[in-house]
Amino acid sequence: MERQAQISGVGGIYAVLAEASNRPRYAFLVLQLIAEVADGRGQAGPFVAGPSSAGAGEPVLLRDWLCTQLLPMSEQPARRAALRERVEAGLKDELTGRPEIDEPHIEAAVEEQVLSVGRANVSRATSDLVRAGLVTRHYAGYATNHKNRGGGRHAVYVVKPAVLRLLRRPASAPTVSPSRMPRQGELFAA
């Protein structure tokens, strides 16, 4: 699309997203995270270095990494407790009645549900980014004949070069010369 030609800054990126997405702030965060891990050509994925206590970690799928980066934004104790109750009710036939055995099983099921919802949210936001013309998406990995074009393969996102330059450019604040600075107690007149 030709929308990138009219984008002159981060505010322009956000304006384009506001037209293409129902959740432009979330989509912008996804875009910023993709740009953060993208190489010089703007390509991110299918794997990125996951979190680790000793620097670079194990490779993690890009979509899973994005999901875990955005989890703090959506964590709400009341919603998590309600999800836990639903998961526990769904697992009632598999539970032993022994908390030391059941708790890890329940927590793993809750985490998987949270990641599943997070992956769907990231995919939706990425579709908005693609629709806005800011990112392209393709898949890498083992190709299978599958009705879902991503079946058996992993997502790779490519940020358009002009957008990547804007996101990686250091922010420049307008400066005021020292001679025009108001002294304490004076109002600044433009």
N, C-alpha and C. Protein backbone atom coordinates (compact mmCIF):
# COMPACT_ATOMS: atom_id res chain seq x y z
N MET A 1 0.84 -1.19 0.00
CA MET A 1 0.00 0.00 0.00
C MET A 1 0.87 1.24 0.00
N GLU A 2 0.30 2.33 -0.38
CA GLU A 2 1.04 3.58 -0.45
C GLU A 2 0.94 4.39 0.83
N ARG A 3 0.38 3.82 1.87
CA ARG A 3 0.25 4.57 3.12
C ARG A 3 1.60 4.91 3.72
N GLN A 4 2.61 4.02 3.54
CA GLN A 4 3.92 4.29 4.14
C GLN A 4 4.53 5.57 3.59
N ALA A 5 4.21 5.93 2.34
CA ALA A 5 4.79 7.13 1.74
C ALA A 5 4.38 8.38 2.51
N GLN A 6 3.22 8.36 3.14
CA GLN A 6 2.75 9.55 3.85
C GLN A 6 3.08 9.52 5.34
N ILE A 7 3.70 8.45 5.83
CA ILE A 7 4.05 8.36 7.24
C ILE A 7 5.34 9.14 7.48
N SER A 8 5.28 10.10 8.39
CA SER A 8 6.46 10.92 8.63
C SER A 8 7.04 10.75 10.03
N GLY A 9 6.39 9.98 10.86
CA GLY A 9 6.90 9.76 12.21
C GLY A 9 6.09 8.70 12.92
N VAL A 10 6.41 8.50 14.17
CA VAL A 10 5.71 7.48 14.96
C VAL A 10 4.22 7.81 15.05
N GLY A 11 3.89 9.10 15.14
CA GLY A 11 2.48 9.50 15.16
C GLY A 11 1.77 9.11 13.87
N GLY A 12 2.47 9.17 12.77
CA GLY A 12 1.91 8.74 11.48
C GLY A 12 1.67 7.25 11.43
N ILE A 13 2.59 6.48 12.01
CA ILE A 13 2.41 5.03 12.09
C ILE A 13 1.14 4.74 12.89
N TYR A 14 1.00 5.42 14.01
CA TYR A 14 -0.16 5.20 14.87
C TYR A 14 -1.45 5.60 14.16
N ALA A 15 -1.42 6.69 13.38
CA ALA A 15 -2.61 7.13 12.65
C ALA A 15 -3.03 6.08 11.63
N VAL A 16 -2.07 5.47 10.93
CA VAL A 16 -2.39 4.41 9.98
C VAL A 16 -2.98 3.22 10.71
N LEU A 17 -2.41 2.88 11.86
CA LEU A 17 -2.94 1.76 12.64
C LEU A 17 -4.34 2.03 13.16
N ALA A 18 -4.62 3.26 13.53
CA ALA A 18 -5.96 3.61 14.03
C ALA A 18 -7.02 3.37 12.96
N GLU A 19 -6.65 3.52 11.69
CA GLU A 19 -7.58 3.24 10.60
C GLU A 19 -7.77 1.75 10.35
N ALA A 20 -6.72 0.97 10.57
CA ALA A 20 -6.73 -0.45 10.19
C ALA A 20 -7.06 -1.41 11.33
N SER A 21 -7.05 -0.93 12.55
CA SER A 21 -7.17 -1.84 13.69
C SER A 21 -8.21 -1.36 14.70
N ASN A 22 -8.88 -2.32 15.32
CA ASN A 22 -9.78 -1.99 16.42
C ASN A 22 -9.01 -1.78 17.72
N ARG A 23 -7.78 -2.28 17.76
CA ARG A 23 -6.92 -2.14 18.94
C ARG A 23 -5.57 -1.59 18.51
N PRO A 24 -5.52 -0.31 18.12
CA PRO A 24 -4.27 0.23 17.57
C PRO A 24 -3.12 0.28 18.57
N ARG A 25 -3.40 0.49 19.86
CA ARG A 25 -2.31 0.54 20.84
C ARG A 25 -1.65 -0.82 20.98
N TYR A 26 -2.46 -1.86 21.04
CA TYR A 26 -1.92 -3.22 21.14
C TYR A 26 -1.13 -3.56 19.88
N ALA A 27 -1.69 -3.24 18.71
CA ALA A 27 -1.00 -3.50 17.45
C ALA A 27 0.32 -2.73 17.39
N PHE A 28 0.33 -1.49 17.89
CA PHE A 28 1.56 -0.71 17.89
C PHE A 28 2.61 -1.35 18.79
N LEU A 29 2.20 -1.87 19.94
CA LEU A 29 3.15 -2.56 20.82
C LEU A 29 3.73 -3.79 20.13
N VAL A 30 2.88 -4.54 19.44
CA VAL A 30 3.36 -5.71 18.70
C VAL A 30 4.35 -5.27 17.64
N LEU A 31 4.04 -4.21 16.91
CA LEU A 31 4.95 -3.69 15.89
C LEU A 31 6.28 -3.28 16.50
N GLN A 32 6.25 -2.58 17.62
CA GLN A 32 7.48 -2.14 18.27
C GLN A 32 8.33 -3.33 18.71
N LEU A 33 7.69 -4.37 19.26
CA LEU A 33 8.43 -5.56 19.68
C LEU A 33 9.02 -6.30 18.48
N ILE A 34 8.27 -6.38 17.39
CA ILE A 34 8.80 -7.03 16.19
C ILE A 34 10.01 -6.26 15.68
N ALA A 35 9.91 -4.93 15.64
CA ALA A 35 11.04 -4.10 15.18
C ALA A 35 12.24 -4.25 16.10
N GLU A 36 11.99 -4.46 17.38
CA GLU A 36 13.07 -4.61 18.36
C GLU A 36 13.92 -5.85 18.08
N VAL A 37 13.31 -6.94 17.64
CA VAL A 37 14.06 -8.18 17.41
C VAL A 37 14.38 -8.41 15.94
N ALA A 38 13.93 -7.50 15.07
CA ALA A 38 14.16 -7.67 13.63
C ALA A 38 15.63 -7.42 13.29
N ASP A 39 16.07 -8.08 12.23
CA ASP A 39 17.44 -7.85 11.76
C ASP A 39 17.47 -6.57 10.94
N GLY A 40 18.58 -6.28 10.31
CA GLY A 40 18.74 -5.05 9.55
C GLY A 40 17.79 -4.92 8.37
N ARG A 41 17.30 -6.05 7.86
CA ARG A 41 16.34 -6.03 6.75
C ARG A 41 14.91 -5.93 7.24
N GLY A 42 14.72 -5.94 8.56
CA GLY A 42 13.38 -5.85 9.12
C GLY A 42 12.72 -7.18 9.37
N GLN A 43 13.45 -8.27 9.16
CA GLN A 43 12.88 -9.61 9.30
C GLN A 43 13.06 -10.13 10.73
N ALA A 44 11.96 -10.62 11.29
CA ALA A 44 11.99 -11.21 12.64
C ALA A 44 11.36 -12.60 12.57
N GLY A 45 12.06 -13.57 13.15
CA GLY A 45 11.51 -14.91 13.24
C GLY A 45 12.18 -15.85 12.27
N PRO A 46 11.78 -17.09 12.26
CA PRO A 46 10.73 -17.68 13.08
C PRO A 46 11.13 -17.89 14.54
N PHE A 47 12.43 -17.82 14.84
CA PHE A 47 12.88 -17.98 16.22
C PHE A 47 13.60 -16.73 16.70
N VAL A 48 13.48 -16.44 17.99
CA VAL A 48 14.24 -15.38 18.65
C VAL A 48 14.83 -15.97 19.92
N ALA A 49 15.81 -15.29 20.47
CA ALA A 49 16.42 -15.75 21.72
C ALA A 49 15.44 -15.51 22.85
N GLY A 50 15.11 -16.55 23.56
CA GLY A 50 14.17 -16.45 24.67
C GLY A 50 14.83 -15.91 25.92
N PRO A 51 14.03 -15.62 26.94
CA PRO A 51 14.60 -15.10 28.19
C PRO A 51 15.47 -16.14 28.88
N SER A 52 16.51 -15.67 29.52
CA SER A 52 17.42 -16.54 30.24
C SER A 52 18.11 -15.74 31.33
N SER A 53 18.49 -16.41 32.39
CA SER A 53 19.17 -15.72 33.48
C SER A 53 20.62 -15.39 33.11
N ALA A 54 21.16 -16.07 32.10
CA ALA A 54 22.55 -15.85 31.73
C ALA A 54 22.67 -15.24 30.33
N GLY A 55 21.94 -14.17 30.07
CA GLY A 55 22.05 -13.51 28.77
C GLY A 55 21.14 -14.14 27.73
N ALA A 56 21.71 -14.46 26.55
CA ALA A 56 20.92 -15.03 25.46
C ALA A 56 20.41 -16.41 25.86
N GLY A 57 19.15 -16.63 25.61
CA GLY A 57 18.53 -17.89 26.02
C GLY A 57 18.32 -18.83 24.86
N GLU A 58 17.49 -19.83 25.13
CA GLU A 58 17.14 -20.82 24.13
C GLU A 58 16.25 -20.19 23.06
N PRO A 59 16.30 -20.70 21.84
CA PRO A 59 15.43 -20.18 20.79
C PRO A 59 13.95 -20.43 21.13
N VAL A 60 13.13 -19.41 20.89
CA VAL A 60 11.70 -19.47 21.14
C VAL A 60 11.01 -19.00 19.87
N LEU A 61 9.87 -19.59 19.56
CA LEU A 61 9.11 -19.12 18.40
C LEU A 61 8.73 -17.66 18.59
N LEU A 62 8.81 -16.90 17.51
CA LEU A 62 8.54 -15.46 17.56
C LEU A 62 7.17 -15.17 18.16
N ARG A 63 6.15 -15.87 17.72
CA ARG A 63 4.79 -15.60 18.20
C ARG A 63 4.69 -15.86 19.70
N ASP A 64 5.35 -16.93 20.18
CA ASP A 64 5.34 -17.22 21.63
C ASP A 64 6.10 -16.14 22.39
N TRP A 65 7.21 -15.67 21.84
CA TRP A 65 7.98 -14.61 22.50
C TRP A 65 7.16 -13.34 22.60
N LEU A 66 6.50 -12.97 21.50
CA LEU A 66 5.65 -11.77 21.53
C LEU A 66 4.55 -11.92 22.58
N CYS A 67 3.97 -13.09 22.64
CA CYS A 67 2.90 -13.35 23.60
C CYS A 67 3.40 -13.18 25.03
N THR A 68 4.55 -13.75 25.35
CA THR A 68 5.06 -13.63 26.73
C THR A 68 5.49 -12.20 27.06
N GLN A 69 5.95 -11.46 26.05
CA GLN A 69 6.32 -10.06 26.29
C GLN A 69 5.09 -9.21 26.62
N LEU A 70 3.95 -9.57 26.05
CA LEU A 70 2.73 -8.79 26.24
C LEU A 70 1.85 -9.29 27.38
N LEU A 71 2.20 -10.42 27.99
CA LEU A 71 1.38 -10.97 29.09
C LEU A 71 1.19 -10.00 30.25
N PRO A 72 2.21 -9.28 30.70
CA PRO A 72 1.99 -8.38 31.84
C PRO A 72 0.90 -7.34 31.59
N MET A 73 0.68 -7.01 30.32
CA MET A 73 -0.33 -6.03 29.97
C MET A 73 -1.75 -6.54 30.25
N SER A 74 -1.93 -7.85 30.16
CA SER A 74 -3.28 -8.41 30.27
C SER A 74 -3.53 -9.17 31.57
N GLU A 75 -2.54 -9.27 32.42
CA GLU A 75 -2.72 -10.03 33.66
C GLU A 75 -3.65 -9.30 34.62
N GLN A 76 -4.72 -9.98 34.96
CA GLN A 76 -5.66 -9.48 35.95
C GLN A 76 -6.02 -10.65 36.86
N PRO A 77 -5.77 -10.51 38.16
CA PRO A 77 -5.99 -11.63 39.08
C PRO A 77 -7.40 -12.22 39.04
N ALA A 78 -8.41 -11.39 38.91
CA ALA A 78 -9.79 -11.90 38.90
C ALA A 78 -10.04 -12.76 37.65
N ARG A 79 -9.55 -12.31 36.49
CA ARG A 79 -9.73 -13.10 35.27
C ARG A 79 -8.95 -14.40 35.33
N ARG A 80 -7.75 -14.34 35.90
CA ARG A 80 -6.93 -15.55 36.01
C ARG A 80 -7.60 -16.56 36.95
N ALA A 81 -8.19 -16.07 38.05
CA ALA A 81 -8.88 -16.96 38.99
C ALA A 81 -10.09 -17.61 38.32
N ALA A 82 -10.82 -16.85 37.52
CA ALA A 82 -11.98 -17.41 36.82
C ALA A 82 -11.54 -18.44 35.79
N LEU A 83 -10.43 -18.17 35.09
CA LEU A 83 -9.90 -19.13 34.13
C LEU A 83 -9.47 -20.40 34.84
N ARG A 84 -8.82 -20.24 35.99
CA ARG A 84 -8.38 -21.41 36.76
C ARG A 84 -9.57 -22.27 37.16
N GLU A 85 -10.66 -21.64 37.59
CA GLU A 85 -11.87 -22.39 37.96
C GLU A 85 -12.41 -23.16 36.76
N ARG A 86 -12.45 -22.52 35.59
CA ARG A 86 -12.96 -23.21 34.39
C ARG A 86 -12.06 -24.37 34.00
N VAL A 87 -10.74 -24.17 34.07
CA VAL A 87 -9.80 -25.23 33.73
C VAL A 87 -9.92 -26.37 34.72
N GLU A 88 -10.03 -26.06 36.00
CA GLU A 88 -10.17 -27.08 37.03
C GLU A 88 -11.45 -27.88 36.83
N ALA A 89 -12.52 -27.20 36.47
CA ALA A 89 -13.79 -27.90 36.21
C ALA A 89 -13.66 -28.82 35.00
N GLY A 90 -12.94 -28.37 33.99
CA GLY A 90 -12.73 -29.19 32.80
C GLY A 90 -11.84 -30.39 33.04
N LEU A 91 -10.97 -30.30 34.04
CA LEU A 91 -10.04 -31.39 34.35
C LEU A 91 -10.51 -32.28 35.50
N LYS A 92 -11.72 -32.07 35.99
CA LYS A 92 -12.16 -32.77 37.21
C LYS A 92 -12.05 -34.29 37.11
N ASP A 93 -12.24 -34.85 35.91
CA ASP A 93 -12.13 -36.31 35.75
C ASP A 93 -10.68 -36.80 35.81
N GLU A 94 -9.73 -35.90 35.52
CA GLU A 94 -8.31 -36.27 35.51
C GLU A 94 -7.61 -36.02 36.84
N LEU A 95 -8.24 -35.27 37.75
CA LEU A 95 -7.60 -34.91 39.01
C LEU A 95 -7.65 -36.07 40.00
N THR A 96 -6.59 -36.16 40.80
CA THR A 96 -6.46 -37.28 41.74
C THR A 96 -6.98 -36.94 43.14
N GLY A 97 -7.14 -35.68 43.43
CA GLY A 97 -7.53 -35.28 44.78
C GLY A 97 -6.32 -35.02 45.67
N ARG A 98 -5.13 -35.19 45.13
CA ARG A 98 -3.89 -34.92 45.87
C ARG A 98 -3.30 -33.62 45.34
N PRO A 99 -3.32 -32.56 46.15
CA PRO A 99 -2.87 -31.24 45.67
C PRO A 99 -1.45 -31.23 45.11
N GLU A 100 -0.53 -31.99 45.68
CA GLU A 100 0.86 -31.98 45.19
C GLU A 100 0.98 -32.53 43.77
N ILE A 101 0.03 -33.35 43.37
CA ILE A 101 0.03 -33.89 42.01
C ILE A 101 -0.85 -33.02 41.09
N ASP A 102 -1.99 -32.59 41.61
CA ASP A 102 -2.96 -31.86 40.79
C ASP A 102 -2.54 -30.42 40.49
N GLU A 103 -1.93 -29.73 41.44
CA GLU A 103 -1.57 -28.32 41.25
C GLU A 103 -0.70 -28.07 40.02
N PRO A 104 0.40 -28.82 39.84
CA PRO A 104 1.22 -28.58 38.64
C PRO A 104 0.44 -28.85 37.34
N HIS A 105 -0.43 -29.86 37.38
CA HIS A 105 -1.23 -30.20 36.21
C HIS A 105 -2.20 -29.06 35.87
N ILE A 106 -2.85 -28.52 36.89
CA ILE A 106 -3.79 -27.42 36.70
C ILE A 106 -3.06 -26.17 36.21
N GLU A 107 -1.93 -25.84 36.85
CA GLU A 107 -1.16 -24.65 36.45
C GLU A 107 -0.67 -24.75 35.01
N ALA A 108 -0.22 -25.95 34.61
CA ALA A 108 0.24 -26.13 33.22
C ALA A 108 -0.92 -25.93 32.25
N ALA A 109 -2.10 -26.42 32.59
CA ALA A 109 -3.27 -26.24 31.73
C ALA A 109 -3.69 -24.78 31.65
N VAL A 110 -3.61 -24.07 32.78
CA VAL A 110 -3.95 -22.63 32.79
C VAL A 110 -2.95 -21.87 31.93
N GLU A 111 -1.66 -22.15 32.08
CA GLU A 111 -0.63 -21.47 31.29
C GLU A 111 -0.82 -21.72 29.80
N GLU A 112 -1.16 -22.95 29.44
CA GLU A 112 -1.38 -23.27 28.03
C GLU A 112 -2.57 -22.49 27.48
N GLN A 113 -3.62 -22.37 28.28
CA GLN A 113 -4.80 -21.60 27.86
C GLN A 113 -4.45 -20.12 27.69
N VAL A 114 -3.69 -19.58 28.63
CA VAL A 114 -3.27 -18.17 28.56
C VAL A 114 -2.43 -17.93 27.31
N LEU A 115 -1.48 -18.82 27.05
CA LEU A 115 -0.63 -18.67 25.86
C LEU A 115 -1.43 -18.82 24.58
N SER A 116 -2.40 -19.70 24.58
CA SER A 116 -3.25 -19.89 23.40
C SER A 116 -4.02 -18.61 23.07
N VAL A 117 -4.60 -17.99 24.07
CA VAL A 117 -5.32 -16.73 23.87
C VAL A 117 -4.34 -15.63 23.44
N GLY A 118 -3.17 -15.60 24.07
CA GLY A 118 -2.16 -14.61 23.72
C GLY A 118 -1.68 -14.75 22.29
N ARG A 119 -1.48 -16.00 21.84
CA ARG A 119 -1.06 -16.22 20.46
C ARG A 119 -2.13 -15.72 19.48
N ALA A 120 -3.39 -15.97 19.81
CA ALA A 120 -4.48 -15.51 18.95
C ALA A 120 -4.50 -13.98 18.89
N ASN A 121 -4.29 -13.33 20.03
CA ASN A 121 -4.26 -11.86 20.06
C ASN A 121 -3.11 -11.31 19.22
N VAL A 122 -1.94 -11.93 19.33
CA VAL A 122 -0.78 -11.50 18.55
C VAL A 122 -1.05 -11.70 17.06
N SER A 123 -1.64 -12.82 16.70
CA SER A 123 -1.96 -13.07 15.29
C SER A 123 -2.95 -12.04 14.75
N ARG A 124 -3.96 -11.70 15.56
CA ARG A 124 -4.94 -10.69 15.15
C ARG A 124 -4.26 -9.33 14.95
N ALA A 125 -3.39 -8.97 15.90
CA ALA A 125 -2.68 -7.68 15.80
C ALA A 125 -1.76 -7.67 14.58
N THR A 126 -1.12 -8.80 14.30
CA THR A 126 -0.24 -8.87 13.14
C THR A 126 -1.05 -8.76 11.85
N SER A 127 -2.23 -9.35 11.83
CA SER A 127 -3.09 -9.20 10.65
C SER A 127 -3.45 -7.73 10.44
N ASP A 128 -3.67 -7.01 11.55
CA ASP A 128 -3.94 -5.57 11.44
C ASP A 128 -2.72 -4.83 10.88
N LEU A 129 -1.52 -5.22 11.31
CA LEU A 129 -0.29 -4.60 10.81
C LEU A 129 -0.11 -4.86 9.32
N VAL A 130 -0.44 -6.08 8.90
CA VAL A 130 -0.35 -6.43 7.48
C VAL A 130 -1.37 -5.63 6.69
N ARG A 131 -2.60 -5.55 7.21
CA ARG A 131 -3.67 -4.79 6.54
C ARG A 131 -3.29 -3.31 6.42
N ALA A 132 -2.59 -2.79 7.43
CA ALA A 132 -2.17 -1.38 7.40
C ALA A 132 -0.98 -1.15 6.47
N GLY A 133 -0.35 -2.23 6.00
CA GLY A 133 0.78 -2.09 5.09
C GLY A 133 2.09 -1.80 5.79
N LEU A 134 2.16 -2.06 7.10
CA LEU A 134 3.38 -1.78 7.86
C LEU A 134 4.29 -3.01 7.95
N VAL A 135 3.71 -4.19 7.80
CA VAL A 135 4.43 -5.45 7.98
C VAL A 135 3.96 -6.42 6.90
N THR A 136 4.86 -7.31 6.50
CA THR A 136 4.45 -8.46 5.69
C THR A 136 4.70 -9.70 6.52
N ARG A 137 4.00 -10.78 6.15
CA ARG A 137 4.12 -12.02 6.92
C ARG A 137 4.29 -13.17 5.95
N HIS A 138 5.19 -14.07 6.29
CA HIS A 138 5.29 -15.33 5.56
C HIS A 138 5.65 -16.42 6.55
N TYR A 139 5.73 -17.62 6.08
CA TYR A 139 5.97 -18.75 6.97
C TYR A 139 7.23 -19.47 6.56
N ALA A 140 7.95 -19.99 7.55
CA ALA A 140 9.18 -20.74 7.31
C ALA A 140 9.08 -22.06 8.04
N GLY A 141 9.79 -23.04 7.53
CA GLY A 141 9.80 -24.34 8.18
C GLY A 141 9.26 -25.41 7.27
N TYR A 142 8.86 -26.49 7.88
CA TYR A 142 8.37 -27.65 7.15
C TYR A 142 7.04 -27.31 6.48
N ALA A 143 6.97 -27.46 5.18
CA ALA A 143 5.74 -27.16 4.44
C ALA A 143 4.87 -28.40 4.36
N THR A 144 3.62 -28.26 4.71
CA THR A 144 2.69 -29.37 4.64
C THR A 144 1.47 -28.94 3.85
N ASN A 145 0.77 -29.91 3.28
CA ASN A 145 -0.50 -29.63 2.63
C ASN A 145 -1.53 -29.54 3.74
N HIS A 146 -1.97 -28.35 4.00
CA HIS A 146 -2.85 -28.11 5.13
C HIS A 146 -3.77 -26.97 4.78
N LYS A 147 -5.04 -27.06 5.19
CA LYS A 147 -5.98 -25.99 4.84
C LYS A 147 -5.58 -24.66 5.46
N ASN A 148 -4.88 -24.71 6.59
CA ASN A 148 -4.36 -23.49 7.22
C ASN A 148 -2.98 -23.26 6.63
N ARG A 149 -2.79 -22.13 5.96
CA ARG A 149 -1.52 -21.89 5.27
C ARG A 149 -0.33 -21.88 6.21
N GLY A 150 -0.55 -21.71 7.50
CA GLY A 150 0.55 -21.73 8.46
C GLY A 150 0.74 -23.09 9.10
N GLY A 151 -0.08 -24.06 8.71
CA GLY A 151 -0.02 -25.39 9.34
C GLY A 151 1.35 -26.02 9.22
N GLY A 152 1.97 -26.37 10.33
CA GLY A 152 3.27 -27.02 10.33
C GLY A 152 4.43 -26.10 10.07
N ARG A 153 4.18 -24.81 9.95
CA ARG A 153 5.25 -23.85 9.69
C ARG A 153 5.17 -22.73 10.73
N HIS A 154 6.17 -21.89 10.75
CA HIS A 154 6.25 -20.84 11.77
C HIS A 154 6.29 -19.47 11.13
N ALA A 155 5.67 -18.51 11.79
CA ALA A 155 5.53 -17.16 11.26
C ALA A 155 6.86 -16.40 11.25
N VAL A 156 7.06 -15.66 10.18
CA VAL A 156 8.16 -14.71 10.04
C VAL A 156 7.53 -13.39 9.66
N TYR A 157 7.85 -12.33 10.41
CA TYR A 157 7.28 -11.01 10.14
C TYR A 157 8.39 -10.11 9.62
N VAL A 158 8.06 -9.29 8.63
CA VAL A 158 9.03 -8.37 8.04
C VAL A 158 8.45 -6.96 8.12
N VAL A 159 9.14 -6.10 8.86
CA VAL A 159 8.72 -4.71 9.00
C VAL A 159 9.21 -3.96 7.78
N LYS A 160 8.34 -3.16 7.17
CA LYS A 160 8.71 -2.39 5.98
C LYS A 160 9.88 -1.46 6.34
N PRO A 161 10.84 -1.29 5.41
CA PRO A 161 12.04 -0.51 5.70
C PRO A 161 11.78 0.91 6.23
N ALA A 162 10.83 1.61 5.65
CA ALA A 162 10.56 3.00 6.09
C ALA A 162 10.02 3.00 7.52
N VAL A 163 9.21 2.03 7.85
CA VAL A 163 8.64 1.93 9.20
C VAL A 163 9.74 1.56 10.19
N LEU A 164 10.59 0.62 9.79
CA LEU A 164 11.69 0.20 10.66
C LEU A 164 12.62 1.38 10.97
N ARG A 165 12.91 2.20 9.97
CA ARG A 165 13.77 3.38 10.20
C ARG A 165 13.13 4.32 11.22
N LEU A 166 11.82 4.54 11.10
CA LEU A 166 11.14 5.43 12.04
C LEU A 166 11.15 4.87 13.46
N LEU A 167 10.96 3.57 13.60
CA LEU A 167 10.90 2.97 14.93
C LEU A 167 12.27 2.88 15.58
N ARG A 168 13.31 2.79 14.79
CA ARG A 168 14.66 2.68 15.35
C ARG A 168 15.38 4.00 15.45
N ARG A 169 14.80 5.05 14.88
CA ARG A 169 15.43 6.37 14.92
C ARG A 169 15.35 6.91 16.34
N PRO A 170 16.45 7.45 16.87
CA PRO A 170 16.39 8.03 18.21
C PRO A 170 15.39 9.18 18.24
N ALA A 171 14.66 9.26 19.30
CA ALA A 171 13.67 10.34 19.45
C ALA A 171 14.40 11.66 19.58
N SER A 172 13.91 12.64 18.87
CA SER A 172 14.52 13.96 18.98
C SER A 172 13.46 14.92 19.51
N ALA A 173 13.76 15.50 20.64
CA ALA A 173 12.83 16.46 21.24
C ALA A 173 13.19 17.84 20.74
N PRO A 174 12.18 18.66 20.51
CA PRO A 174 12.48 20.03 20.12
C PRO A 174 13.28 20.72 21.22
N THR A 175 14.30 21.41 20.83
CA THR A 175 15.14 22.08 21.83
C THR A 175 14.87 23.57 21.82
N VAL A 176 15.10 24.16 22.96
CA VAL A 176 14.93 25.61 23.11
C VAL A 176 16.30 26.16 23.45
N SER A 177 16.69 27.21 22.74
CA SER A 177 18.00 27.78 23.00
C SER A 177 18.02 28.37 24.42
N PRO A 178 19.17 28.32 25.08
CA PRO A 178 19.26 28.83 26.45
C PRO A 178 18.84 30.29 26.58
N SER A 179 19.04 31.09 25.53
CA SER A 179 18.67 32.50 25.61
C SER A 179 17.15 32.69 25.63
N ARG A 180 16.39 31.71 25.13
CA ARG A 180 14.95 31.83 25.09
C ARG A 180 14.28 31.14 26.28
N MET A 181 15.07 30.53 27.14
CA MET A 181 14.51 29.85 28.31
C MET A 181 14.02 30.89 29.31
N PRO A 182 12.83 30.70 29.84
CA PRO A 182 12.36 31.66 30.85
C PRO A 182 13.10 31.47 32.16
N ARG A 183 13.25 32.55 32.89
CA ARG A 183 13.84 32.44 34.22
C ARG A 183 12.75 32.02 35.19
N GLN A 184 13.16 31.49 36.28
CA GLN A 184 12.20 31.03 37.26
C GLN A 184 11.25 32.18 37.63
N GLY A 185 9.98 31.89 37.60
CA GLY A 185 8.98 32.88 37.92
C GLY A 185 8.43 33.62 36.71
N GLU A 186 9.09 33.46 35.54
CA GLU A 186 8.60 34.11 34.33
C GLU A 186 7.85 33.08 33.49
N LEU A 187 6.88 33.55 32.75
CA LEU A 187 6.15 32.68 31.84
C LEU A 187 6.89 32.60 30.52
N PHE A 188 6.81 31.48 29.90
CA PHE A 188 7.47 31.27 28.62
C PHE A 188 6.57 31.80 27.52
N ALA A 189 7.05 32.72 26.73
CA ALA A 189 6.28 33.27 25.61
C ALA A 189 6.86 32.74 24.32
N ALA A 190 6.03 32.10 23.55
CA ALA A 190 6.51 31.48 22.30
C ALA A 190 6.71 32.47 21.21
